[in-house]
Amino acid sequence: MDINRILADLRAEHGRIERAIAAIEGLNSTGRRGVGRPPKRVITRRGRGRMSAAARRKLSRLLKQRWVAGKMKSRAKAKPAKPARHMSKAARKKIAAAQRARWAKVKEQKKTA
């Protein structure tokens, strides 16, 4: 009788019994067996829908009818552009003089401080 051969047969039988027990427990259990973080939810990205040629023609026809009826014209009207505002030379000189006076005051305060 070869003891090594008997041990190998018993180990193989033990493995088969363990797998059978695990399978039966898996059928009987209702909860998750795994421990830890749950699996990530797979988020599928939907591609852009493709419009058929017939649908494009129909949409084009409807939009043209709306333009003709005037429904789209009210949206298309642009506001009149405001004229550019210009400052007179006198006003620029007045502002520049006031700014120079402010800076002179700041410099004088720094000297006295």
N, C-alpha and C. Protein backbone atom coordinates (compact mmCIF):
# COMPACT_ATOMS: atom_id res chain seq x y z
N MET A 1 0.83 -1.16 0.00
CA MET A 1 0.00 0.00 0.00
C MET A 1 0.89 1.24 0.00
N ASP A 2 0.61 2.15 -0.94
CA ASP A 2 1.41 3.36 -1.06
C ASP A 2 0.73 4.49 -0.28
N ILE A 3 1.36 4.95 0.79
CA ILE A 3 0.77 5.96 1.68
C ILE A 3 0.64 7.31 0.95
N ASN A 4 1.63 7.67 0.16
CA ASN A 4 1.58 8.94 -0.56
C ASN A 4 0.40 8.99 -1.53
N ARG A 5 0.14 7.87 -2.17
CA ARG A 5 -0.98 7.81 -3.11
C ARG A 5 -2.30 7.94 -2.38
N ILE A 6 -2.43 7.29 -1.23
CA ILE A 6 -3.65 7.37 -0.43
C ILE A 6 -3.88 8.81 0.04
N LEU A 7 -2.80 9.48 0.49
CA LEU A 7 -2.91 10.87 0.93
C LEU A 7 -3.36 11.78 -0.22
N ALA A 8 -2.82 11.58 -1.41
CA ALA A 8 -3.20 12.39 -2.57
C ALA A 8 -4.67 12.19 -2.89
N ASP A 9 -5.15 10.94 -2.83
CA ASP A 9 -6.56 10.66 -3.10
C ASP A 9 -7.47 11.33 -2.05
N LEU A 10 -7.05 11.24 -0.78
CA LEU A 10 -7.85 11.85 0.28
C LEU A 10 -7.89 13.37 0.13
N ARG A 11 -6.76 13.98 -0.22
CA ARG A 11 -6.73 15.43 -0.42
C ARG A 11 -7.62 15.84 -1.59
N ALA A 12 -7.60 15.07 -2.66
CA ALA A 12 -8.46 15.37 -3.81
C ALA A 12 -9.92 15.26 -3.42
N GLU A 13 -10.25 14.22 -2.66
CA GLU A 13 -11.62 14.03 -2.19
C GLU A 13 -12.02 15.18 -1.26
N HIS A 14 -11.09 15.60 -0.41
CA HIS A 14 -11.35 16.71 0.50
C HIS A 14 -11.65 17.99 -0.29
N GLY A 15 -10.90 18.24 -1.35
CA GLY A 15 -11.13 19.41 -2.20
C GLY A 15 -12.49 19.38 -2.85
N ARG A 16 -12.88 18.20 -3.35
CA ARG A 16 -14.20 18.06 -3.97
C ARG A 16 -15.32 18.31 -2.96
N ILE A 17 -15.15 17.79 -1.75
CA ILE A 17 -16.17 17.98 -0.70
C ILE A 17 -16.28 19.47 -0.33
N GLU A 18 -15.11 20.16 -0.20
CA GLU A 18 -15.13 21.59 0.12
C GLU A 18 -15.86 22.39 -0.96
N ARG A 19 -15.60 22.09 -2.22
CA ARG A 19 -16.27 22.80 -3.31
C ARG A 19 -17.77 22.53 -3.31
N ALA A 20 -18.16 21.29 -3.01
CA ALA A 20 -19.58 20.95 -2.95
C ALA A 20 -20.27 21.69 -1.82
N ILE A 21 -19.60 21.77 -0.66
CA ILE A 21 -20.17 22.48 0.49
C ILE A 21 -20.32 23.96 0.15
N ALA A 22 -19.31 24.55 -0.48
CA ALA A 22 -19.37 25.97 -0.84
C ALA A 22 -20.50 26.23 -1.83
N ALA A 23 -20.69 25.32 -2.79
CA ALA A 23 -21.75 25.49 -3.77
C ALA A 23 -23.12 25.42 -3.11
N ILE A 24 -23.30 24.48 -2.19
CA ILE A 24 -24.59 24.34 -1.50
C ILE A 24 -24.84 25.55 -0.61
N GLU A 25 -23.80 26.02 0.09
CA GLU A 25 -23.97 27.23 0.91
C GLU A 25 -24.31 28.43 0.03
N GLY A 26 -23.74 28.51 -1.15
CA GLY A 26 -24.04 29.61 -2.06
C GLY A 26 -25.49 29.60 -2.51
N LEU A 27 -26.06 28.42 -2.72
CA LEU A 27 -27.46 28.32 -3.11
C LEU A 27 -28.37 28.69 -1.96
N ASN A 28 -27.97 28.37 -0.76
CA ASN A 28 -28.81 28.56 0.41
C ASN A 28 -28.76 30.00 0.93
N SER A 29 -27.67 30.71 0.68
CA SER A 29 -27.53 32.05 1.26
C SER A 29 -28.31 33.08 0.45
N THR A 30 -28.77 34.13 1.15
CA THR A 30 -29.50 35.21 0.47
C THR A 30 -28.68 36.48 0.41
N GLY A 31 -27.71 36.65 1.29
CA GLY A 31 -26.91 37.86 1.35
C GLY A 31 -25.61 37.71 0.58
N ARG A 32 -24.84 38.81 0.59
CA ARG A 32 -23.53 38.79 -0.06
C ARG A 32 -22.54 38.06 0.80
N ARG A 33 -21.68 37.29 0.19
CA ARG A 33 -20.64 36.60 0.95
C ARG A 33 -19.40 37.47 1.07
N GLY A 34 -19.18 38.35 0.09
CA GLY A 34 -17.97 39.16 0.07
C GLY A 34 -17.98 40.21 1.17
N VAL A 35 -16.81 40.59 1.59
CA VAL A 35 -16.67 41.60 2.63
C VAL A 35 -15.94 42.78 2.02
N GLY A 36 -16.30 43.99 2.43
CA GLY A 36 -15.58 45.15 1.95
C GLY A 36 -16.44 46.03 1.08
N ARG A 37 -15.78 46.76 0.23
CA ARG A 37 -16.43 47.75 -0.62
C ARG A 37 -17.33 47.06 -1.66
N PRO A 38 -18.55 47.58 -1.86
CA PRO A 38 -19.42 47.00 -2.88
C PRO A 38 -18.88 47.32 -4.27
N PRO A 39 -19.23 46.55 -5.25
CA PRO A 39 -18.72 46.80 -6.61
C PRO A 39 -19.21 48.14 -7.13
N LYS A 40 -18.38 48.79 -7.95
CA LYS A 40 -18.75 50.09 -8.51
C LYS A 40 -19.87 49.90 -9.51
N ARG A 41 -20.77 50.90 -9.51
CA ARG A 41 -21.86 50.87 -10.47
C ARG A 41 -21.33 51.30 -11.83
N VAL A 42 -21.63 50.54 -12.82
CA VAL A 42 -21.16 50.85 -14.16
C VAL A 42 -22.08 51.89 -14.77
N ILE A 43 -21.50 53.01 -15.16
CA ILE A 43 -22.28 54.08 -15.77
C ILE A 43 -22.03 54.03 -17.28
N THR A 44 -23.09 53.80 -18.01
CA THR A 44 -22.94 53.74 -19.46
C THR A 44 -23.24 55.10 -20.03
N ARG A 45 -22.46 55.52 -20.99
CA ARG A 45 -22.67 56.81 -21.64
C ARG A 45 -23.46 56.57 -22.91
N ARG A 46 -24.54 57.30 -23.00
CA ARG A 46 -25.34 57.17 -24.21
C ARG A 46 -24.78 58.08 -25.28
N GLY A 47 -24.68 57.55 -26.47
CA GLY A 47 -24.18 58.35 -27.58
C GLY A 47 -25.24 59.32 -28.06
N ARG A 48 -24.83 60.23 -28.91
CA ARG A 48 -25.79 61.17 -29.47
C ARG A 48 -26.74 60.44 -30.39
N GLY A 49 -27.97 60.83 -30.33
CA GLY A 49 -28.96 60.22 -31.19
C GLY A 49 -28.77 60.69 -32.63
N ARG A 50 -28.98 59.83 -33.53
CA ARG A 50 -28.86 60.19 -34.94
C ARG A 50 -30.25 60.41 -35.50
N MET A 51 -30.40 61.49 -36.25
CA MET A 51 -31.68 61.81 -36.83
C MET A 51 -31.73 61.29 -38.26
N SER A 52 -32.82 60.70 -38.61
CA SER A 52 -32.94 60.16 -39.96
C SER A 52 -33.10 61.31 -40.95
N ALA A 53 -32.86 61.01 -42.21
CA ALA A 53 -32.97 62.03 -43.25
C ALA A 53 -34.40 62.55 -43.35
N ALA A 54 -35.37 61.67 -43.18
CA ALA A 54 -36.76 62.09 -43.26
C ALA A 54 -37.11 63.03 -42.11
N ALA A 55 -36.59 62.74 -40.92
CA ALA A 55 -36.85 63.60 -39.76
C ALA A 55 -36.19 64.96 -39.95
N ARG A 56 -34.99 64.99 -40.54
CA ARG A 56 -34.31 66.27 -40.80
C ARG A 56 -35.11 67.12 -41.79
N ARG A 57 -35.62 66.47 -42.84
CA ARG A 57 -36.43 67.19 -43.83
C ARG A 57 -37.70 67.76 -43.19
N LYS A 58 -38.33 66.96 -42.35
CA LYS A 58 -39.56 67.40 -41.69
C LYS A 58 -39.28 68.59 -40.77
N LEU A 59 -38.20 68.51 -40.01
CA LEU A 59 -37.83 69.60 -39.11
C LEU A 59 -37.48 70.86 -39.89
N SER A 60 -36.76 70.68 -40.98
CA SER A 60 -36.40 71.83 -41.82
C SER A 60 -37.64 72.51 -42.37
N ARG A 61 -38.60 71.72 -42.85
CA ARG A 61 -39.84 72.27 -43.38
C ARG A 61 -40.61 73.03 -42.30
N LEU A 62 -40.68 72.48 -41.08
CA LEU A 62 -41.39 73.15 -40.00
C LEU A 62 -40.74 74.46 -39.62
N LEU A 63 -39.40 74.48 -39.55
CA LEU A 63 -38.70 75.71 -39.20
C LEU A 63 -38.89 76.78 -40.27
N LYS A 64 -38.86 76.38 -41.53
CA LYS A 64 -39.09 77.35 -42.61
C LYS A 64 -40.50 77.93 -42.52
N GLN A 65 -41.48 77.10 -42.19
CA GLN A 65 -42.84 77.60 -42.03
C GLN A 65 -42.92 78.60 -40.89
N ARG A 66 -42.21 78.34 -39.78
CA ARG A 66 -42.22 79.27 -38.66
C ARG A 66 -41.59 80.60 -39.03
N TRP A 67 -40.51 80.56 -39.81
CA TRP A 67 -39.89 81.81 -40.25
C TRP A 67 -40.86 82.60 -41.12
N VAL A 68 -41.53 81.91 -42.02
CA VAL A 68 -42.47 82.59 -42.90
C VAL A 68 -43.62 83.18 -42.10
N ALA A 69 -44.09 82.47 -41.09
CA ALA A 69 -45.21 82.95 -40.29
C ALA A 69 -44.81 84.12 -39.39
N GLY A 70 -43.54 84.33 -39.21
CA GLY A 70 -43.07 85.46 -38.41
C GLY A 70 -42.84 85.12 -36.96
N LYS A 71 -42.99 83.88 -36.59
CA LYS A 71 -42.80 83.51 -35.19
C LYS A 71 -41.34 83.62 -34.78
N MET A 72 -40.42 83.39 -35.69
CA MET A 72 -39.00 83.41 -35.37
C MET A 72 -38.41 84.80 -35.56
N LYS A 73 -39.12 85.67 -36.29
CA LYS A 73 -38.55 86.99 -36.59
C LYS A 73 -38.41 87.84 -35.34
N SER A 74 -39.34 87.70 -34.40
CA SER A 74 -39.27 88.52 -33.19
C SER A 74 -38.01 88.18 -32.38
N ARG A 75 -37.59 86.94 -32.42
CA ARG A 75 -36.38 86.53 -31.70
C ARG A 75 -35.12 86.99 -32.42
N ALA A 76 -35.21 87.10 -33.73
CA ALA A 76 -34.03 87.41 -34.52
C ALA A 76 -33.69 88.89 -34.49
N LYS A 77 -34.63 89.75 -34.09
CA LYS A 77 -34.37 91.19 -34.07
C LYS A 77 -33.29 91.49 -33.05
N ALA A 78 -32.30 92.20 -33.49
CA ALA A 78 -31.22 92.58 -32.58
C ALA A 78 -31.50 93.97 -32.04
N LYS A 79 -31.04 94.23 -30.84
CA LYS A 79 -31.20 95.55 -30.26
C LYS A 79 -30.29 96.51 -31.01
N PRO A 80 -30.74 97.75 -31.18
CA PRO A 80 -29.88 98.70 -31.88
C PRO A 80 -28.61 98.95 -31.05
N ALA A 81 -27.50 99.04 -31.74
CA ALA A 81 -26.22 99.23 -31.06
C ALA A 81 -26.16 100.63 -30.47
N LYS A 82 -25.64 100.71 -29.24
CA LYS A 82 -25.51 102.01 -28.60
C LYS A 82 -24.32 102.74 -29.23
N PRO A 83 -24.47 104.03 -29.42
CA PRO A 83 -23.34 104.76 -30.00
C PRO A 83 -22.18 104.79 -29.00
N ALA A 84 -20.96 104.79 -29.53
CA ALA A 84 -19.78 104.83 -28.68
C ALA A 84 -19.73 106.15 -27.96
N ARG A 85 -19.42 106.09 -26.68
CA ARG A 85 -19.36 107.32 -25.89
C ARG A 85 -17.93 107.85 -25.90
N HIS A 86 -17.81 109.11 -26.20
CA HIS A 86 -16.50 109.75 -26.24
C HIS A 86 -16.44 110.83 -25.18
N MET A 87 -15.25 111.00 -24.60
CA MET A 87 -15.05 112.03 -23.60
C MET A 87 -14.38 113.23 -24.27
N SER A 88 -14.85 114.39 -23.92
CA SER A 88 -14.25 115.58 -24.52
C SER A 88 -12.85 115.80 -23.95
N LYS A 89 -12.04 116.58 -24.68
CA LYS A 89 -10.67 116.86 -24.23
C LYS A 89 -10.68 117.62 -22.92
N ALA A 90 -11.63 118.51 -22.75
CA ALA A 90 -11.72 119.30 -21.52
C ALA A 90 -12.00 118.39 -20.33
N ALA A 91 -12.89 117.42 -20.52
CA ALA A 91 -13.22 116.50 -19.44
C ALA A 91 -12.00 115.65 -19.08
N ARG A 92 -11.24 115.19 -20.10
CA ARG A 92 -10.03 114.40 -19.85
C ARG A 92 -9.03 115.22 -19.05
N LYS A 93 -8.84 116.50 -19.42
CA LYS A 93 -7.89 117.36 -18.71
C LYS A 93 -8.31 117.55 -17.26
N LYS A 94 -9.62 117.72 -17.05
CA LYS A 94 -10.14 117.92 -15.70
C LYS A 94 -9.88 116.69 -14.83
N ILE A 95 -10.15 115.50 -15.36
CA ILE A 95 -9.93 114.25 -14.62
C ILE A 95 -8.44 114.06 -14.34
N ALA A 96 -7.58 114.32 -15.33
CA ALA A 96 -6.14 114.17 -15.16
C ALA A 96 -5.62 115.11 -14.08
N ALA A 97 -6.10 116.34 -14.06
CA ALA A 97 -5.66 117.31 -13.05
C ALA A 97 -6.09 116.85 -11.66
N ALA A 98 -7.32 116.34 -11.54
CA ALA A 98 -7.81 115.86 -10.25
C ALA A 98 -6.97 114.67 -9.77
N GLN A 99 -6.60 113.78 -10.68
CA GLN A 99 -5.78 112.62 -10.32
C GLN A 99 -4.39 113.05 -9.88
N ARG A 100 -3.79 114.02 -10.58
CA ARG A 100 -2.47 114.52 -10.18
C ARG A 100 -2.53 115.13 -8.79
N ALA A 101 -3.62 115.82 -8.50
CA ALA A 101 -3.78 116.43 -7.17
C ALA A 101 -3.88 115.35 -6.10
N ARG A 102 -4.61 114.27 -6.39
CA ARG A 102 -4.73 113.17 -5.42
C ARG A 102 -3.37 112.54 -5.14
N TRP A 103 -2.59 112.30 -6.20
CA TRP A 103 -1.27 111.68 -6.01
C TRP A 103 -0.32 112.60 -5.27
N ALA A 104 -0.42 113.90 -5.53
CA ALA A 104 0.42 114.85 -4.81
C ALA A 104 0.09 114.82 -3.32
N LYS A 105 -1.20 114.69 -3.01
CA LYS A 105 -1.63 114.62 -1.61
C LYS A 105 -1.09 113.35 -0.95
N VAL A 106 -1.14 112.23 -1.65
CA VAL A 106 -0.65 110.96 -1.12
C VAL A 106 0.86 111.05 -0.86
N LYS A 107 1.60 111.61 -1.82
CA LYS A 107 3.07 111.74 -1.67
C LYS A 107 3.41 112.64 -0.48
N GLU A 108 2.63 113.73 -0.31
CA GLU A 108 2.91 114.63 0.79
C GLU A 108 2.65 113.96 2.14
N GLN A 109 1.59 113.12 2.19
CA GLN A 109 1.29 112.40 3.43
C GLN A 109 2.40 111.41 3.76
N LYS A 110 3.00 110.80 2.74
CA LYS A 110 4.10 109.86 2.97
C LYS A 110 5.32 110.58 3.51
N LYS A 111 5.56 111.80 3.00
CA LYS A 111 6.73 112.57 3.46
C LYS A 111 6.58 112.96 4.93
N THR A 112 5.38 113.36 5.33
CA THR A 112 5.15 113.80 6.71
C THR A 112 5.07 112.61 7.67
N ALA A 113 4.76 111.47 7.20
CA ALA A 113 4.59 110.30 8.09
C ALA A 113 5.90 109.65 8.48
